[in-house]
Protein backbone atom coordinates (compact mmCIF):
# COMPACT_ATOMS: atom_id res chain seq x y z
CA MET A 1 -0.07 0.03 0.01
CA GLU A 2 1.32 3.46 -1.12
CA ARG A 3 1.58 6.02 1.50
CA LYS A 4 0.01 9.43 1.14
CA SER A 5 2.70 12.18 0.83
CA ILE A 6 2.98 14.61 3.43
CA GLU A 7 2.25 18.30 2.59
CA LYS A 8 2.64 21.71 4.13
CA GLY A 9 -0.04 22.30 6.28
CA ASP A 10 -0.43 18.66 7.43
CA ILE A 11 -0.36 17.72 11.31
CA THR A 12 1.71 14.66 11.82
CA LEU A 13 3.08 12.91 14.87
CA VAL A 14 6.85 13.33 15.36
CA VAL A 15 9.39 11.98 17.80
CA PHE A 16 10.92 15.47 19.19
CA PRO A 17 13.92 15.34 21.66
CA PHE A 18 13.56 17.42 24.91
CA THR A 19 15.60 20.67 24.96
CA ASP A 20 18.35 19.33 27.07
CA LEU A 21 18.37 16.16 24.94
CA SER A 22 17.89 13.88 27.80
CA SER A 23 15.08 12.17 26.32
CA GLU A 24 12.28 12.53 23.67
CA LYS A 25 8.77 12.56 23.07
CA ARG A 26 6.15 11.91 20.15
CA ARG A 27 4.17 14.84 19.68
CA PRO A 28 2.17 16.62 17.16
CA ALA A 29 3.64 18.86 14.71
CA LEU A 30 2.83 21.32 11.78
CA VAL A 31 4.53 20.52 8.57
CA VAL A 32 5.87 23.85 7.52
CA GLY A 33 7.90 22.44 4.38
CA ALA A 34 8.35 19.25 2.56
CA SER A 35 10.35 17.64 -0.13
CA GLU A 36 10.34 13.90 -1.42
CA GLU A 37 13.03 13.05 1.20
CA HIS A 38 12.61 15.41 4.18
CA VAL A 39 9.79 17.68 5.83
CA VAL A 40 10.46 20.48 8.08
CA VAL A 41 7.89 20.59 11.19
CA ALA A 42 7.12 23.18 13.64
CA PHE A 43 6.48 21.69 17.35
CA ILE A 44 3.08 21.90 18.74
CA THR A 45 2.03 22.31 22.22
CA THR A 46 -0.99 22.97 24.55
CA ARG A 47 1.30 25.09 26.66
CA SER A 48 2.29 28.43 25.83
CA THR A 49 5.74 29.31 27.14
CA GLY A 50 8.84 31.04 25.37
CA PRO A 51 8.93 33.98 23.28
CA LEU A 52 4.75 34.57 22.39
CA GLN A 53 5.70 36.44 19.30
CA TRP A 54 6.52 33.22 17.49
CA HIS A 55 3.50 31.32 18.50
CA ALA A 56 0.53 30.85 16.50
CA SER A 57 -2.79 29.75 17.84
CA LEU A 58 -4.33 26.31 16.39
CA SER A 59 -7.75 25.19 17.40
CA SER A 60 -8.89 21.51 18.06
CA SER A 61 -11.33 20.53 15.37
CA ASP A 62 -12.11 17.53 13.17
CA GLU A 63 -9.46 18.61 10.61
CA SER A 64 -6.78 19.40 12.68
CA GLY A 65 -6.99 15.87 14.48
CA LEU A 66 -5.92 17.57 17.95
CA MET A 67 -8.06 16.99 21.18
CA SER A 68 -7.25 20.50 22.52
CA HIS A 69 -6.58 24.01 21.45
CA SER A 70 -2.84 24.34 20.96
CA THR A 71 -0.17 26.44 19.85
CA VAL A 72 2.29 26.10 16.83
CA ARG A 73 5.96 27.05 18.14
CA CYS A 74 7.32 28.65 15.12
CA ASP A 75 10.84 28.93 17.07
CA LYS A 76 10.86 25.03 17.46
CA ILE A 77 11.50 23.56 14.04
CA LEU A 78 12.91 20.38 12.94
CA SER A 79 13.87 18.81 9.79
CA ILE A 80 13.38 14.97 9.56
CA ASP A 81 13.44 12.23 7.01
CA THR A 82 10.21 11.39 5.60
CA LYS A 83 10.56 7.85 6.50
CA LEU A 84 10.16 8.89 10.29
CA ILE A 85 6.54 9.85 9.56
CA SER A 86 3.68 7.52 9.35
CA GLY A 87 1.18 10.07 7.98
CA ALA A 88 -0.94 12.86 8.80
CA ILE A 89 -3.41 12.99 11.78
CA GLY A 90 -5.06 16.15 10.61
CA ALA A 91 -4.43 19.59 8.83
CA ALA A 92 -4.02 23.25 9.80
CA SER A 93 -6.57 25.74 7.97
CA PRO A 94 -5.00 27.78 5.34
CA ALA A 95 -5.57 30.93 7.65
CA THR A 96 -2.85 29.21 10.34
CA VAL A 97 -0.56 28.20 7.65
CA LYS A 98 -0.53 31.70 6.46
CA LYS A 99 0.29 32.94 9.81
CA VAL A 100 2.72 30.40 10.55
CA ASP A 101 4.52 31.21 7.29
CA ALA A 102 4.50 34.92 8.38
CA LYS A 103 6.17 34.39 11.85
CA LEU A 104 8.67 31.98 10.13
CA ARG A 105 9.66 34.69 7.54
CA ARG A 106 10.11 37.32 10.38
CA LEU A 107 11.83 34.87 12.60
CA LEU A 108 14.20 33.71 9.91
CA LYS A 109 14.77 36.94 8.41
CA LEU A 110 13.59 35.87 5.05
């Protein structure tokens, strides 16, 4: 069975390392960029900590696949091999993707 390709705006589950690299945890992430071999994802959390100007609100809905209101942390991004992603659990709205894009452009000075 062929796996559906991961696309920008998809919400997927990814193994993220803790900040101190002592351990890791599977958590939701928003795909902010994708190629055939790699995806770039932004961390999703239910806790709002860190610099708030890099946060984007993400509501829980059938489309997102999330259980509760969450925050996309645009300042916590990771590039991983597509083989490490089993598939999307949902998708962010086009408006949310646009907000995240704007925050990433400012953060990365693009």
